[in-house]
N, C-alpha and C. Protein backbone atom coordinates (compact mmCIF):
# COMPACT_ATOMS: atom_id res chain seq x y z
N MET A 1 141.04 66.44 122.08
CA MET A 1 142.16 66.52 122.67
C MET A 1 142.65 67.93 122.28
N ARG A 2 143.62 68.73 123.15
CA ARG A 2 144.37 69.71 122.86
C ARG A 2 145.55 70.21 124.04
N ILE A 3 146.13 71.20 123.90
CA ILE A 3 147.19 70.95 124.78
C ILE A 3 147.01 72.53 125.58
N LYS A 4 147.05 72.53 126.95
CA LYS A 4 146.43 73.22 127.73
C LYS A 4 147.80 74.22 128.35
N VAL A 5 147.91 75.25 128.22
CA VAL A 5 149.28 76.05 128.31
C VAL A 5 148.96 76.71 129.69
N GLU A 6 150.11 76.58 130.80
CA GLU A 6 150.01 77.30 132.34
C GLU A 6 151.23 77.78 132.10
N ALA A 7 151.26 79.38 131.71
CA ALA A 7 152.33 80.20 131.14
C ALA A 7 153.14 80.77 132.19
N ASP A 8 152.42 80.60 133.48
CA ASP A 8 153.31 81.03 134.67
C ASP A 8 154.20 80.06 134.91
N LYS A 9 153.86 78.88 134.53
CA LYS A 9 155.01 77.76 134.90
C LYS A 9 156.38 77.48 133.79
N CYS A 10 155.96 78.36 132.67
CA CYS A 10 157.23 78.37 131.60
C CYS A 10 158.29 79.21 132.01
N THR A 11 159.13 78.50 131.57
CA THR A 11 160.52 78.89 131.99
C THR A 11 161.46 79.62 130.82
N GLY A 12 161.10 79.48 129.36
CA GLY A 12 161.32 79.82 128.29
C GLY A 12 162.60 79.02 127.67
N CYS A 13 162.67 77.37 128.33
CA CYS A 13 163.88 76.87 127.95
C CYS A 13 163.96 76.51 126.45
N HIS A 14 162.79 76.60 125.77
CA HIS A 14 162.38 76.48 124.19
C HIS A 14 162.73 74.80 124.07
N ILE A 15 162.53 74.00 125.01
CA ILE A 15 162.47 72.79 124.64
C ILE A 15 161.42 72.09 123.73
N CYS A 16 160.41 72.41 124.01
CA CYS A 16 159.06 72.49 123.47
C CYS A 16 159.71 72.60 121.93
N GLU A 17 159.73 73.95 121.63
CA GLU A 17 160.30 74.33 120.05
C GLU A 17 161.25 73.25 119.23
N MET A 18 162.23 73.14 119.97
CA MET A 18 163.20 72.04 119.52
C MET A 18 162.69 70.67 119.13
N VAL A 19 161.86 70.05 120.23
CA VAL A 19 161.55 68.53 120.12
C VAL A 19 160.40 68.86 118.57
N CYS A 20 159.69 69.78 118.80
CA CYS A 20 158.54 69.78 117.80
C CYS A 20 159.28 70.04 116.41
N SER A 21 160.11 70.48 116.03
CA SER A 21 160.95 70.90 114.76
C SER A 21 161.41 69.70 114.66
N LEU A 22 162.42 69.16 115.61
CA LEU A 22 162.83 67.59 115.35
C LEU A 22 161.98 66.40 114.86
N HIS A 23 161.12 66.16 115.73
CA HIS A 23 159.82 65.33 115.33
C HIS A 23 159.18 65.62 113.76
N HIS A 24 158.83 66.88 113.59
CA HIS A 24 158.22 67.02 112.28
C HIS A 24 159.28 67.01 110.93
N GLU A 25 160.36 68.11 111.38
CA GLU A 25 161.46 68.19 110.34
C GLU A 25 162.57 67.65 110.51
N ASP A 26 163.20 66.75 111.19
CA ASP A 26 164.40 66.01 111.35
C ASP A 26 165.30 67.32 111.61
N VAL A 27 165.21 68.01 112.06
CA VAL A 27 166.29 69.37 112.40
C VAL A 27 165.49 70.14 113.49
N ILE A 28 166.82 70.51 114.22
CA ILE A 28 166.24 71.53 115.50
C ILE A 28 166.40 72.73 114.71
N ASN A 29 165.32 73.35 114.41
CA ASN A 29 165.26 74.70 114.06
C ASN A 29 163.70 75.31 114.54
N LEU A 30 164.09 76.41 115.27
CA LEU A 30 162.65 76.95 116.43
C LEU A 30 161.92 77.77 115.32
N GLU A 31 162.36 77.98 114.18
CA GLU A 31 161.36 78.76 113.07
C GLU A 31 160.47 77.68 112.38
N ARG A 32 160.87 76.38 112.36
CA ARG A 32 160.10 75.24 111.85
C ARG A 32 158.90 74.84 113.14
N ALA A 33 159.21 75.19 114.08
CA ALA A 33 158.30 74.28 115.07
C ALA A 33 156.83 74.97 114.96
N ALA A 34 155.68 74.18 115.31
CA ALA A 34 154.51 74.52 115.59
C ALA A 34 153.78 75.07 116.92
N ILE A 35 155.25 75.02 117.50
CA ILE A 35 154.65 75.97 118.90
C ILE A 35 156.12 76.88 118.85
N ARG A 36 155.55 77.92 119.59
CA ARG A 36 156.51 78.88 119.72
C ARG A 36 156.24 79.52 121.35
N VAL A 37 157.51 79.92 121.97
CA VAL A 37 157.40 80.47 123.07
C VAL A 37 157.66 82.10 122.85
N SER A 38 156.64 82.71 123.46
CA SER A 38 156.79 84.24 123.18
C SER A 38 157.35 84.96 124.46
N LYS A 39 158.13 85.82 124.34
CA LYS A 39 158.82 86.59 125.67
C LYS A 39 158.29 88.11 125.65
N ASP A 40 157.68 88.31 126.88
CA ASP A 40 157.48 89.71 126.72
C ASP A 40 158.24 90.20 128.29
N ASP A 41 158.89 91.28 128.13
CA ASP A 41 159.71 91.80 128.83
C ASP A 41 159.08 93.33 129.38
N PHE A 42 158.58 93.09 130.70
CA PHE A 42 157.92 94.10 131.32
C PHE A 42 158.39 94.17 132.90
N GLY A 43 159.56 93.99 132.88
CA GLY A 43 160.21 94.29 134.09
C GLY A 43 160.68 92.69 134.52
N ASP A 44 159.80 92.12 134.60
CA ASP A 44 159.83 90.32 134.57
C ASP A 44 159.91 89.47 133.66
N LEU A 45 160.57 88.73 133.04
CA LEU A 45 160.50 88.07 131.85
C LEU A 45 159.11 86.94 131.99
N ILE A 46 158.14 87.31 131.08
CA ILE A 46 157.37 86.53 131.22
C ILE A 46 157.49 85.88 129.80
N TYR A 47 157.23 84.31 129.62
CA TYR A 47 157.36 83.27 128.81
C TYR A 47 155.98 82.65 128.62
N THR A 48 155.48 82.58 127.11
CA THR A 48 154.25 82.10 127.14
C THR A 48 154.33 81.20 125.78
N PRO A 49 154.07 79.88 126.04
CA PRO A 49 153.96 78.71 124.79
C PRO A 49 152.54 79.26 123.96
N MET A 50 152.78 79.43 122.85
CA MET A 50 151.78 79.69 122.03
C MET A 50 151.81 78.28 121.04
N VAL A 51 150.50 77.94 121.07
CA VAL A 51 150.44 76.37 120.53
C VAL A 51 149.04 76.61 119.83
N CYS A 52 148.45 75.94 119.00
CA CYS A 52 147.11 75.95 118.16
C CYS A 52 146.16 75.44 119.19
N ARG A 53 145.04 75.48 119.63
CA ARG A 53 144.39 75.21 120.67
C ARG A 53 143.07 74.16 120.52
N GLN A 54 143.30 73.84 118.86
CA GLN A 54 142.32 73.01 118.19
C GLN A 54 140.79 73.24 118.48
N CYS A 55 140.65 74.50 118.04
CA CYS A 55 139.49 74.98 118.20
C CYS A 55 138.67 74.28 117.52
N LYS A 56 137.36 74.25 118.13
CA LYS A 56 136.14 73.56 117.39
C LYS A 56 135.45 74.51 116.41
N LYS A 57 135.40 75.71 116.35
CA LYS A 57 135.02 76.86 115.70
C LYS A 57 135.84 77.01 114.69
N MET A 58 137.09 76.54 114.60
CA MET A 58 137.73 76.47 113.41
C MET A 58 138.16 78.29 113.13
N VAL A 59 138.04 78.98 113.40
CA VAL A 59 138.39 80.45 113.04
C VAL A 59 139.62 80.99 112.12
N CYS A 60 140.35 79.85 112.07
CA CYS A 60 141.32 79.88 111.04
C CYS A 60 140.97 79.84 109.56
N LEU A 61 139.86 78.80 109.66
CA LEU A 61 139.38 78.21 108.53
C LEU A 61 137.76 78.96 108.01
N ASP A 62 137.60 80.03 108.52
CA ASP A 62 136.39 80.56 108.17
C ASP A 62 136.29 80.77 106.74
N GLY A 63 135.08 80.33 106.26
CA GLY A 63 135.20 80.70 104.83
C GLY A 63 135.16 79.23 104.03
N HIS A 64 136.20 78.19 104.54
CA HIS A 64 136.07 76.95 104.17
C HIS A 64 134.80 75.97 104.34
N SER A 65 134.76 75.04 103.23
CA SER A 65 133.60 74.24 103.72
C SER A 65 133.81 73.19 105.14
N GLU A 66 132.99 72.64 105.46
CA GLU A 66 132.79 71.64 106.80
C GLU A 66 133.56 70.83 106.47
N GLY A 67 133.62 69.68 104.93
CA GLY A 67 134.71 69.11 104.89
C GLY A 67 136.28 69.72 105.16
N ASP A 68 136.36 70.54 104.44
CA ASP A 68 137.72 71.09 104.55
C ASP A 68 138.14 70.96 106.11
N GLN A 69 137.41 71.80 106.75
CA GLN A 69 137.60 71.96 108.50
C GLN A 69 137.48 70.83 108.82
N GLN A 70 137.24 69.18 108.54
CA GLN A 70 136.91 68.25 108.93
C GLN A 70 138.72 67.73 108.76
N GLU A 71 138.54 67.84 107.60
CA GLU A 71 140.23 67.23 106.72
C GLU A 71 141.54 68.19 107.15
N HIS A 72 141.23 69.15 107.91
CA HIS A 72 142.17 70.19 108.50
C HIS A 72 142.77 69.43 109.42
N ARG A 73 142.09 68.94 110.40
CA ARG A 73 142.27 68.75 111.66
C ARG A 73 143.52 67.61 111.86
N GLY A 74 144.37 67.87 112.54
CA GLY A 74 145.69 66.58 112.25
C GLY A 74 146.57 66.96 111.37
N LYS A 75 146.43 68.19 110.30
CA LYS A 75 147.46 68.28 109.42
C LYS A 75 148.65 69.20 110.15
N TYR A 76 149.84 69.29 109.53
CA TYR A 76 150.54 70.13 109.84
C TYR A 76 150.72 71.37 108.79
N ARG A 77 150.86 71.62 107.89
CA ARG A 77 150.67 72.70 107.07
C ARG A 77 149.61 72.74 106.29
N TRP A 78 148.96 74.37 106.00
CA TRP A 78 148.25 74.86 105.30
C TRP A 78 148.50 75.61 103.84
N GLU A 79 147.76 75.87 102.87
CA GLU A 79 148.33 76.59 101.98
C GLU A 79 147.73 77.99 102.30
N ASP A 80 146.73 77.78 102.91
CA ASP A 80 145.98 79.38 103.18
C ASP A 80 146.53 80.24 104.30
N ALA A 81 147.33 81.36 103.89
CA ALA A 81 148.16 82.25 104.82
C ALA A 81 147.26 83.11 105.57
N SER A 82 145.94 83.38 105.18
CA SER A 82 145.06 84.16 105.65
C SER A 82 145.00 83.39 107.60
N ALA A 83 145.27 82.04 107.71
CA ALA A 83 144.83 81.47 108.79
C ALA A 83 145.74 82.27 109.98
N ILE A 84 147.23 82.52 109.37
CA ILE A 84 147.60 83.40 110.49
C ILE A 84 147.16 84.54 111.16
N GLU A 85 146.44 84.94 110.35
CA GLU A 85 145.68 86.37 110.76
C GLU A 85 144.66 86.37 111.73
N LYS A 86 143.82 85.13 111.51
CA LYS A 86 142.49 84.42 111.74
C LYS A 86 142.66 84.05 113.42
N CYS A 87 143.76 83.64 113.69
CA CYS A 87 144.05 82.83 115.15
C CYS A 87 143.96 84.03 116.03
N PRO A 88 142.72 83.70 116.74
CA PRO A 88 142.79 84.69 117.95
C PRO A 88 143.64 84.62 119.04
N PHE A 89 144.53 83.42 118.71
CA PHE A 89 145.61 82.85 119.97
C PHE A 89 146.89 83.19 119.35
N ASN A 90 147.20 83.64 118.28
CA ASN A 90 148.75 83.79 117.41
C ASN A 90 149.16 82.57 117.74
N ALA A 91 148.58 81.59 117.21
CA ALA A 91 149.31 80.21 117.33
C ALA A 91 149.22 79.46 115.98
N VAL A 92 149.40 80.25 114.69
CA VAL A 92 149.73 79.91 113.50
C VAL A 92 150.77 80.54 113.03
N PHE A 93 151.52 79.87 112.52
CA PHE A 93 153.09 80.37 111.89
C PHE A 93 153.21 80.11 110.64
N SER A 94 154.20 80.98 109.91
CA SER A 94 154.57 81.01 108.64
C SER A 94 155.91 80.43 108.80
N PHE A 95 156.55 79.55 107.82
CA PHE A 95 157.88 79.17 107.92
C PHE A 95 158.21 78.85 106.20
N GLN A 96 158.73 79.48 105.47
CA GLN A 96 159.12 79.90 104.12
C GLN A 96 157.60 79.87 103.20
N ASP A 97 157.19 79.04 102.63
CA ASP A 97 155.93 79.45 102.09
C ASP A 97 154.99 78.48 102.68
N SER A 98 155.04 78.15 103.48
CA SER A 98 154.07 76.95 104.31
C SER A 98 153.27 77.95 105.45
N VAL A 99 151.85 77.24 105.85
CA VAL A 99 151.48 77.75 107.37
C VAL A 99 151.61 76.66 108.31
N VAL A 100 151.76 76.80 109.42
CA VAL A 100 152.23 75.80 110.24
C VAL A 100 151.48 75.81 111.65
N HIS A 101 151.07 74.76 111.97
CA HIS A 101 150.06 74.64 113.46
C HIS A 101 150.29 73.46 113.93
N CYS A 102 149.97 73.46 114.97
CA CYS A 102 150.19 71.93 116.12
C CYS A 102 149.24 71.14 114.93
N ASP A 103 149.89 69.57 115.27
CA ASP A 103 149.16 68.56 114.66
C ASP A 103 148.92 67.46 115.96
N LEU A 104 149.32 67.93 117.10
CA LEU A 104 149.21 66.89 118.10
C LEU A 104 149.98 65.88 117.85
N CYS A 105 150.90 65.61 117.12
CA CYS A 105 151.87 64.41 117.13
C CYS A 105 151.23 63.31 116.99
N GLY A 106 150.02 63.28 116.50
CA GLY A 106 149.36 61.93 116.08
C GLY A 106 149.00 61.28 117.46
N GLY A 107 148.23 62.38 118.55
CA GLY A 107 148.24 61.85 119.64
C GLY A 107 148.87 61.84 120.72
N GLU A 108 150.09 62.13 120.58
CA GLU A 108 151.24 61.83 121.60
C GLU A 108 152.24 63.30 121.59
N PRO A 109 151.61 64.29 121.99
CA PRO A 109 152.52 65.69 121.53
C PRO A 109 153.99 65.65 121.97
N ARG A 110 154.97 65.66 121.54
CA ARG A 110 156.34 65.46 121.68
C ARG A 110 156.53 66.61 122.99
N CYS A 111 156.18 67.90 122.60
CA CYS A 111 156.05 69.06 123.40
C CYS A 111 155.75 69.07 125.16
N VAL A 112 154.94 68.38 125.05
CA VAL A 112 154.30 68.03 126.40
C VAL A 112 154.94 66.89 127.17
N GLN A 113 155.63 66.15 126.26
CA GLN A 113 156.36 64.83 126.85
C GLN A 113 157.85 65.85 127.55
N TYR A 114 158.40 66.32 127.06
CA TYR A 114 159.74 66.94 127.12
C TYR A 114 159.57 68.51 127.96
N CYS A 115 158.63 68.95 128.42
CA CYS A 115 158.57 69.86 128.97
C CYS A 115 158.28 69.61 130.67
N SER A 116 159.52 69.44 131.11
CA SER A 116 160.23 69.40 132.66
C SER A 116 159.33 70.24 133.75
N VAL A 117 159.00 71.36 133.20
CA VAL A 117 158.01 71.98 134.64
C VAL A 117 156.14 72.05 134.28
N GLN A 118 156.06 71.31 133.17
CA GLN A 118 154.56 70.99 133.03
C GLN A 118 153.86 72.29 132.43
N ALA A 119 154.52 73.12 132.08
CA ALA A 119 153.80 74.41 131.44
C ALA A 119 152.73 74.04 130.44
N ILE A 120 152.92 73.25 129.57
CA ILE A 120 152.16 72.74 128.75
C ILE A 120 151.45 70.82 128.94
N THR A 121 150.22 70.74 129.04
CA THR A 121 149.58 69.47 129.12
C THR A 121 148.94 69.23 128.36
N VAL A 122 148.37 68.08 128.12
CA VAL A 122 147.40 67.54 127.31
C VAL A 122 145.95 67.93 128.14
N ASP A 123 145.19 68.21 127.69
CA ASP A 123 143.84 68.43 127.76
C ASP A 123 142.97 67.48 127.06
N THR A 124 142.12 66.18 127.79
CA THR A 124 141.61 65.43 127.06
C THR A 124 139.99 66.16 127.21
N GLY A 125 139.33 67.13 128.06
CA GLY A 125 138.26 67.39 128.01
C GLY A 125 137.56 67.71 126.60
N THR A 126 136.39 67.97 127.05
CA THR A 126 135.53 68.24 125.60
C THR A 126 135.20 69.67 125.13
N GLU A 127 135.50 70.42 126.20
CA GLU A 127 135.27 71.43 126.40
C GLU A 127 135.70 72.76 124.87
N ASP A 128 135.20 73.10 124.40
CA ASP A 128 135.96 74.47 123.08
C ASP A 128 136.89 75.44 123.73
N ALA A 129 137.84 75.46 122.87
CA ALA A 129 139.01 76.51 123.19
C ALA A 129 138.60 77.87 122.98
N ALA A 130 137.39 78.09 122.05
CA ALA A 130 137.59 79.41 121.77
C ALA A 130 135.77 79.56 121.47
């Protein structure tokens, strides 16, 4: 399972970020969210939800053992800050001294549940994202 992004549907409301931080941190703070909405302004406002794609290749954990990679799935915070630079999707973030990525909310991603325009949905396919 992973989150599928259809950026052309995103309105930039940031509800996904709010519910993510509220679910995981018990506070609404966009900097603490494991999903981020990026804004590009090239005449038209373009919003893109940035979220961990749950890659099978685990590019962010290159150099770690297979056991570390399996244990990583479903975890919300890492210690290895190099994961931020390694993610080809810009979907791993830092907050204070922690590295944050999506953990799919235990199989029921809150960001997907509250996205009224369905810019983010759950993809249960088995294809790899990277």
